[in-house]
Amino acid sequence: MGLPSPAGRRQQVFAEAEHLRGYVMEEIARVYAEALFDVARDKGKLDEIHEQLGQVAEAIADNRDLQVFLFSPYFSSSEKREGISRVVSGADPELVNFLELLAEKHRMPAIFRIRRRFDEMWAKEERRLEVKLTSAVDLPPDLVEEVGKQIEKQTGQTIELETDVDENVLGGIVLQVGNMVLDASVRNKLERLRKEVAKAA
């Protein structure tokens, strides 16, 4: 098999360079998104900054002139910072500082990847906890509600509570939170007791 032609080699080099550039951009986006996410969470502003970051990214995506201004190397960092302060006036100061830092470091082209990364982390952070409450008989709604409140209090997460009736749950309930059973049914205790009584008989 012969060597690739010069044109073929150039094409391969360009493809590898583009792949490497994409990887580097993803890493840059990850680092910046995680930094912004940590600040937003520490300040208790996750939802606010998540929403505003999305609005900024969409505004840039919809405005070609804004893209040229923010992404172009021909405008200085100070010019971009000044432009950002005008464009996002009224936004959260933490987000404004973040965007100004991106401009100063010439990282504004990563804004869309940063927004996507932030969205992923936000969705994971806000994930609702699935809880299944299985009992031998129908439980009163107020009791179910109280159980749900206690779980939310203990876990610090919003839950989605599903109830089920299983007659085989002897004398108690099975409470499954995610993939983990927090409160086992008394069925296991009764089964051990039954075996002990059988041995003694």
C-alpha atoms as a PDB file:
ATOM      1  CA  MET A   1       0.000   0.000   0.000  1.00  0.00           C
ATOM      2  CA  GLY A   2       1.483   3.363  -1.065  1.00  0.00           C
ATOM      3  CA  LEU A   3       1.945   6.504   0.983  1.00  0.00           C
ATOM      4  CA  PRO A   4      -0.879   9.054   0.944  1.00  0.00           C
ATOM      5  CA  SER A   5      -0.498  11.944  -1.450  1.00  0.00           C
ATOM      6  CA  PRO A   6       0.595  15.365  -0.121  1.00  0.00           C
ATOM      7  CA  ALA A   7      -2.998  16.549  -0.417  1.00  0.00           C
ATOM      8  CA  GLY A   8      -4.186  13.484   1.484  1.00  0.00           C
ATOM      9  CA  ARG A   9      -1.607  14.074   4.233  1.00  0.00           C
ATOM     10  CA  ARG A  10      -2.662  17.709   4.559  1.00  0.00           C
ATOM     11  CA  GLN A  11      -6.292  16.676   4.854  1.00  0.00           C
ATOM     12  CA  GLN A  12      -5.403  14.146   7.556  1.00  0.00           C
ATOM     13  CA  VAL A  13      -3.365  16.737   9.481  1.00  0.00           C
ATOM     14  CA  PHE A  14      -6.222  19.242   9.267  1.00  0.00           C
ATOM     15  CA  ALA A  15      -8.697  16.622  10.502  1.00  0.00           C
ATOM     16  CA  GLU A  16      -6.460  15.713  13.454  1.00  0.00           C
ATOM     17  CA  ALA A  17      -5.895  19.382  14.280  1.00  0.00           C
ATOM     18  CA  GLU A  18      -9.648  20.040  14.211  1.00  0.00           C
ATOM     19  CA  HIS A  19     -10.263  17.039  16.474  1.00  0.00           C
ATOM     20  CA  LEU A  20      -7.608  18.289  18.914  1.00  0.00           C
ATOM     21  CA  ARG A  21      -9.090  21.785  18.822  1.00  0.00           C
ATOM     22  CA  GLY A  22     -12.522  20.393  19.683  1.00  0.00           C
ATOM     23  CA  TYR A  23     -11.066  18.433  22.602  1.00  0.00           C
ATOM     24  CA  VAL A  24      -9.221  21.490  23.918  1.00  0.00           C
ATOM     25  CA  MET A  25     -12.373  23.609  23.630  1.00  0.00           C
ATOM     26  CA  GLU A  26     -14.359  20.990  25.552  1.00  0.00           C
ATOM     27  CA  GLU A  27     -11.751  20.972  28.328  1.00  0.00           C
ATOM     28  CA  ILE A  28     -11.786  24.773  28.482  1.00  0.00           C
ATOM     29  CA  ALA A  29     -15.584  24.725  28.653  1.00  0.00           C
ATOM     30  CA  ARG A  30     -15.545  22.113  31.412  1.00  0.00           C
ATOM     31  CA  VAL A  31     -13.108  24.063  33.586  1.00  0.00           C
ATOM     32  CA  TYR A  32     -14.933  27.384  33.211  1.00  0.00           C
ATOM     33  CA  ALA A  33     -18.403  25.862  33.588  1.00  0.00           C
ATOM     34  CA  GLU A  34     -17.405  24.041  36.769  1.00  0.00           C
ATOM     35  CA  ALA A  35     -15.905  27.236  38.198  1.00  0.00           C
ATOM     36  CA  LEU A  36     -19.084  29.223  37.496  1.00  0.00           C
ATOM     37  CA  PHE A  37     -21.267  26.390  38.791  1.00  0.00           C
ATOM     38  CA  ASP A  38     -19.344  26.203  42.085  1.00  0.00           C
ATOM     39  CA  VAL A  39     -19.654  29.959  42.619  1.00  0.00           C
ATOM     40  CA  ALA A  40     -23.369  29.934  41.767  1.00  0.00           C
ATOM     41  CA  ARG A  41     -24.023  27.040  44.139  1.00  0.00           C
ATOM     42  CA  ASP A  42     -21.996  28.592  46.967  1.00  0.00           C
ATOM     43  CA  LYS A  43     -23.897  31.872  46.585  1.00  0.00           C
ATOM     44  CA  GLY A  44     -27.270  30.112  46.391  1.00  0.00           C
ATOM     45  CA  LYS A  45     -27.866  31.474  42.889  1.00  0.00           C
ATOM     46  CA  LEU A  46     -27.876  28.337  40.755  1.00  0.00           C
ATOM     47  CA  ASP A  47     -31.288  28.866  39.173  1.00  0.00           C
ATOM     48  CA  GLU A  48     -30.741  32.581  38.591  1.00  0.00           C
ATOM     49  CA  ILE A  49     -27.336  32.197  36.957  1.00  0.00           C
ATOM     50  CA  HIS A  50     -28.464  29.141  34.991  1.00  0.00           C
ATOM     51  CA  GLU A  51     -31.319  31.145  33.481  1.00  0.00           C
ATOM     52  CA  GLN A  52     -29.214  34.248  32.784  1.00  0.00           C
ATOM     53  CA  LEU A  53     -26.351  32.280  31.239  1.00  0.00           C
ATOM     54  CA  GLY A  54     -28.861  30.687  28.890  1.00  0.00           C
ATOM     55  CA  GLN A  55     -30.264  34.083  27.942  1.00  0.00           C
ATOM     56  CA  VAL A  56     -26.788  35.471  27.234  1.00  0.00           C
ATOM     57  CA  ALA A  57     -25.785  32.452  25.121  1.00  0.00           C
ATOM     58  CA  GLU A  58     -29.015  32.675  23.116  1.00  0.00           C
ATOM     59  CA  ALA A  59     -28.594  36.424  22.587  1.00  0.00           C
ATOM     60  CA  ILE A  60     -25.080  35.855  21.240  1.00  0.00           C
ATOM     61  CA  ALA A  61     -26.241  32.970  19.047  1.00  0.00           C
ATOM     62  CA  ASP A  62     -28.976  35.151  17.533  1.00  0.00           C
ATOM     63  CA  ASN A  63     -26.800  38.188  16.872  1.00  0.00           C
ATOM     64  CA  ARG A  64     -24.066  37.852  14.257  1.00  0.00           C
ATOM     65  CA  ASP A  65     -22.629  41.301  15.003  1.00  0.00           C
ATOM     66  CA  LEU A  66     -22.328  40.403  18.676  1.00  0.00           C
ATOM     67  CA  GLN A  67     -20.499  37.198  17.777  1.00  0.00           C
ATOM     68  CA  VAL A  68     -18.033  39.079  15.594  1.00  0.00           C
ATOM     69  CA  PHE A  69     -17.414  41.621  18.348  1.00  0.00           C
ATOM     70  CA  LEU A  70     -16.972  39.084  21.178  1.00  0.00           C
ATOM     71  CA  PHE A  71     -15.144  36.372  19.252  1.00  0.00           C
ATOM     72  CA  SER A  72     -12.874  38.494  17.069  1.00  0.00           C
ATOM     73  CA  PRO A  73      -9.214  38.938  18.094  1.00  0.00           C
ATOM     74  CA  TYR A  74      -9.266  42.454  16.569  1.00  0.00           C
ATOM     75  CA  PHE A  75     -11.131  43.925  19.539  1.00  0.00           C
ATOM     76  CA  SER A  76      -9.232  44.389  22.789  1.00  0.00           C
ATOM     77  CA  SER A  77     -10.198  42.708  26.055  1.00  0.00           C
ATOM     78  CA  SER A  78     -11.068  46.076  27.585  1.00  0.00           C
ATOM     79  CA  GLU A  79     -13.401  46.865  24.672  1.00  0.00           C
ATOM     80  CA  LYS A  80     -15.087  43.495  25.077  1.00  0.00           C
ATOM     81  CA  ARG A  81     -15.462  43.914  28.847  1.00  0.00           C
ATOM     82  CA  GLU A  82     -17.066  47.296  28.326  1.00  0.00           C
ATOM     83  CA  GLY A  83     -19.387  45.843  25.685  1.00  0.00           C
ATOM     84  CA  ILE A  84     -20.353  42.961  27.969  1.00  0.00           C
ATOM     85  CA  SER A  85     -21.238  45.315  30.828  1.00  0.00           C
ATOM     86  CA  ARG A  86     -23.643  47.115  28.484  1.00  0.00           C
ATOM     87  CA  VAL A  87     -25.126  43.987  26.907  1.00  0.00           C
ATOM     88  CA  VAL A  88     -25.828  42.187  30.193  1.00  0.00           C
ATOM     89  CA  SER A  89     -26.717  45.198  32.331  1.00  0.00           C
ATOM     90  CA  GLY A  90     -28.875  44.054  35.229  1.00  0.00           C
ATOM     91  CA  ALA A  91     -27.479  40.527  35.213  1.00  0.00           C
ATOM     92  CA  ASP A  92     -26.111  38.917  38.342  1.00  0.00           C
ATOM     93  CA  PRO A  93     -22.688  40.413  39.242  1.00  0.00           C
ATOM     94  CA  GLU A  94     -21.142  36.940  39.478  1.00  0.00           C
ATOM     95  CA  LEU A  95     -22.190  36.190  35.909  1.00  0.00           C
ATOM     96  CA  VAL A  96     -21.008  39.600  34.655  1.00  0.00           C
ATOM     97  CA  ASN A  97     -17.593  39.025  36.261  1.00  0.00           C
ATOM     98  CA  PHE A  98     -17.455  35.578  34.687  1.00  0.00           C
ATOM     99  CA  LEU A  99     -18.241  36.892  31.206  1.00  0.00           C
ATOM    100  CA  GLU A 100     -15.675  39.670  31.592  1.00  0.00           C
ATOM    101  CA  LEU A 101     -13.096  37.055  32.579  1.00  0.00           C
ATOM    102  CA  LEU A 102     -13.935  35.039  29.456  1.00  0.00           C
ATOM    103  CA  ALA A 103     -13.413  38.171  27.357  1.00  0.00           C
ATOM    104  CA  GLU A 104     -10.135  38.988  29.073  1.00  0.00           C
ATOM    105  CA  LYS A 105      -8.820  35.453  28.508  1.00  0.00           C
ATOM    106  CA  HIS A 106     -10.137  35.367  24.907  1.00  0.00           C
ATOM    107  CA  ARG A 107     -12.397  32.437  25.788  1.00  0.00           C
ATOM    108  CA  MET A 108     -15.731  33.869  24.630  1.00  0.00           C
ATOM    109  CA  PRO A 109     -15.924  31.426  21.673  1.00  0.00           C
ATOM    110  CA  ALA A 110     -16.388  28.682  24.292  1.00  0.00           C
ATOM    111  CA  ILE A 111     -19.576  30.285  25.666  1.00  0.00           C
ATOM    112  CA  PHE A 112     -21.924  27.806  23.959  1.00  0.00           C
ATOM    113  CA  ARG A 113     -20.000  24.782  25.194  1.00  0.00           C
ATOM    114  CA  ILE A 114     -19.824  26.346  28.664  1.00  0.00           C
ATOM    115  CA  ARG A 115     -23.566  26.865  28.647  1.00  0.00           C
ATOM    116  CA  ARG A 116     -24.124  23.223  27.637  1.00  0.00           C
ATOM    117  CA  ARG A 117     -21.828  21.956  30.393  1.00  0.00           C
ATOM    118  CA  PHE A 118     -23.511  24.203  32.951  1.00  0.00           C
ATOM    119  CA  ASP A 119     -26.918  22.939  31.835  1.00  0.00           C
ATOM    120  CA  GLU A 120     -25.808  19.341  32.363  1.00  0.00           C
ATOM    121  CA  MET A 121     -24.508  20.040  35.873  1.00  0.00           C
ATOM    122  CA  TRP A 122     -27.605  22.039  36.762  1.00  0.00           C
ATOM    123  CA  ALA A 123     -29.902  19.238  35.608  1.00  0.00           C
ATOM    124  CA  LYS A 124     -27.954  16.719  37.674  1.00  0.00           C
ATOM    125  CA  GLU A 125     -28.035  18.987  40.728  1.00  0.00           C
ATOM    126  CA  GLU A 126     -31.790  19.550  40.414  1.00  0.00           C
ATOM    127  CA  ARG A 127     -32.611  15.915  39.780  1.00  0.00           C
ATOM    128  CA  ARG A 128     -35.644  14.774  41.712  1.00  0.00           C
ATOM    129  CA  LEU A 129     -35.270  11.766  43.932  1.00  0.00           C
ATOM    130  CA  GLU A 130     -37.608   8.878  43.126  1.00  0.00           C
ATOM    131  CA  VAL A 131     -39.130   7.256  46.199  1.00  0.00           C
ATOM    132  CA  LYS A 132     -41.431   4.223  46.343  1.00  0.00           C
ATOM    133  CA  LEU A 133     -43.491   3.493  49.425  1.00  0.00           C
ATOM    134  CA  THR A 134     -44.918  -0.035  49.520  1.00  0.00           C
ATOM    135  CA  SER A 135     -47.341  -1.042  52.279  1.00  0.00           C
ATOM    136  CA  ALA A 136     -49.619  -3.969  53.069  1.00  0.00           C
ATOM    137  CA  VAL A 137     -52.698  -1.717  53.057  1.00  0.00           C
ATOM    138  CA  ASP A 138     -53.625   1.675  51.658  1.00  0.00           C
ATOM    139  CA  LEU A 139     -52.096   4.401  53.804  1.00  0.00           C
ATOM    140  CA  PRO A 140     -53.943   7.631  54.637  1.00  0.00           C
ATOM    141  CA  PRO A 141     -52.930  10.489  52.314  1.00  0.00           C
ATOM    142  CA  ASP A 142     -51.805  12.670  55.225  1.00  0.00           C
ATOM    143  CA  LEU A 143     -49.459   9.906  56.418  1.00  0.00           C
ATOM    144  CA  VAL A 144     -48.005   9.501  52.914  1.00  0.00           C
ATOM    145  CA  GLU A 145     -47.480  13.253  52.728  1.00  0.00           C
ATOM    146  CA  GLU A 146     -45.736  13.273  56.107  1.00  0.00           C
ATOM    147  CA  VAL A 147     -43.421  10.436  55.038  1.00  0.00           C
ATOM    148  CA  GLY A 148     -42.545  12.416  51.889  1.00  0.00           C
ATOM    149  CA  LYS A 149     -41.741  15.543  53.895  1.00  0.00           C
ATOM    150  CA  GLN A 150     -39.501  13.578  56.243  1.00  0.00           C
ATOM    151  CA  ILE A 151     -37.561  12.082  53.325  1.00  0.00           C
ATOM    152  CA  GLU A 152     -37.107  15.508  51.710  1.00  0.00           C
ATOM    153  CA  LYS A 153     -35.904  16.860  55.047  1.00  0.00           C
ATOM    154  CA  GLN A 154     -33.417  14.019  55.508  1.00  0.00           C
ATOM    155  CA  THR A 155     -32.096  13.980  51.942  1.00  0.00           C
ATOM    156  CA  GLY A 156     -32.290  17.696  51.171  1.00  0.00           C
ATOM    157  CA  GLN A 157     -33.808  16.857  47.786  1.00  0.00           C
ATOM    158  CA  THR A 158     -37.198  17.235  46.160  1.00  0.00           C
ATOM    159  CA  ILE A 159     -38.796  13.820  45.797  1.00  0.00           C
ATOM    160  CA  GLU A 160     -41.330  12.126  43.548  1.00  0.00           C
ATOM    161  CA  LEU A 161     -43.260   9.761  45.783  1.00  0.00           C
ATOM    162  CA  GLU A 162     -44.991   6.682  44.379  1.00  0.00           C
ATOM    163  CA  THR A 163     -47.139   4.444  46.549  1.00  0.00           C
ATOM    164  CA  ASP A 164     -47.987   0.791  46.089  1.00  0.00           C
ATOM    165  CA  VAL A 165     -49.919  -1.858  47.987  1.00  0.00           C
ATOM    166  CA  ASP A 166     -48.447  -5.337  48.464  1.00  0.00           C
ATOM    167  CA  GLU A 167     -50.236  -7.704  50.818  1.00  0.00           C
ATOM    168  CA  ASN A 168     -47.006  -9.654  51.292  1.00  0.00           C
ATOM    169  CA  VAL A 169     -45.480  -6.770  53.255  1.00  0.00           C
ATOM    170  CA  LEU A 170     -46.314  -8.160  56.648  1.00  0.00           C
ATOM    171  CA  GLY A 171     -47.069  -5.568  59.281  1.00  0.00           C
ATOM    172  CA  GLY A 172     -44.996  -2.761  57.831  1.00  0.00           C
ATOM    173  CA  ILE A 173     -43.711  -0.845  54.858  1.00  0.00           C
ATOM    174  CA  VAL A 174     -40.867  -1.006  52.379  1.00  0.00           C
ATOM    175  CA  LEU A 175     -39.402   2.410  51.631  1.00  0.00           C
ATOM    176  CA  GLN A 176     -37.174   2.548  48.570  1.00  0.00           C
ATOM    177  CA  VAL A 177     -35.251   5.746  47.861  1.00  0.00           C
ATOM    178  CA  GLY A 178     -33.546   5.628  44.469  1.00  0.00           C
ATOM    179  CA  ASN A 179     -31.867   2.230  44.355  1.00  0.00           C
ATOM    180  CA  MET A 180     -31.513   1.959  48.106  1.00  0.00           C
ATOM    181  CA  VAL A 181     -33.964   0.604  50.657  1.00  0.00           C
ATOM    182  CA  LEU A 182     -33.790   2.951  53.641  1.00  0.00           C
ATOM    183  CA  ASP A 183     -36.335   1.323  55.922  1.00  0.00           C
ATOM    184  CA  ALA A 184     -36.667  -2.426  55.563  1.00  0.00           C
ATOM    185  CA  SER A 185     -40.001  -4.085  56.136  1.00  0.00           C
ATOM    186  CA  VAL A 186     -40.546  -6.017  59.328  1.00  0.00           C
ATOM    187  CA  ARG A 187     -41.058  -9.012  57.040  1.00  0.00           C
ATOM    188  CA  ASN A 188     -37.374  -9.985  57.428  1.00  0.00           C
ATOM    189  CA  LYS A 189     -37.585  -9.785  61.222  1.00  0.00           C
ATOM    190  CA  LEU A 190     -40.749 -11.883  61.236  1.00  0.00           C
ATOM    191  CA  GLU A 191     -39.117 -14.436  58.960  1.00  0.00           C
ATOM    192  CA  ARG A 192     -36.127 -14.775  61.308  1.00  0.00           C
ATOM    193  CA  LEU A 193     -38.477 -15.064  64.271  1.00  0.00           C
ATOM    194  CA  ARG A 194     -40.484 -17.770  62.502  1.00  0.00           C
ATOM    195  CA  LYS A 195     -37.325 -19.798  61.871  1.00  0.00           C
ATOM    196  CA  GLU A 196     -36.215 -19.440  65.488  1.00  0.00           C
ATOM    197  CA  VAL A 197     -39.623 -20.634  66.712  1.00  0.00           C
ATOM    198  CA  ALA A 198     -39.468 -23.572  64.295  1.00  0.00           C
ATOM    199  CA  LYS A 199     -36.065 -24.584  65.658  1.00  0.00           C
ATOM    200  CA  ALA A 200     -37.244 -24.371  69.243  1.00  0.00           C
ATOM    201  CA  ALA A 201     -40.374 -26.437  68.556  1.00  0.00           C
END
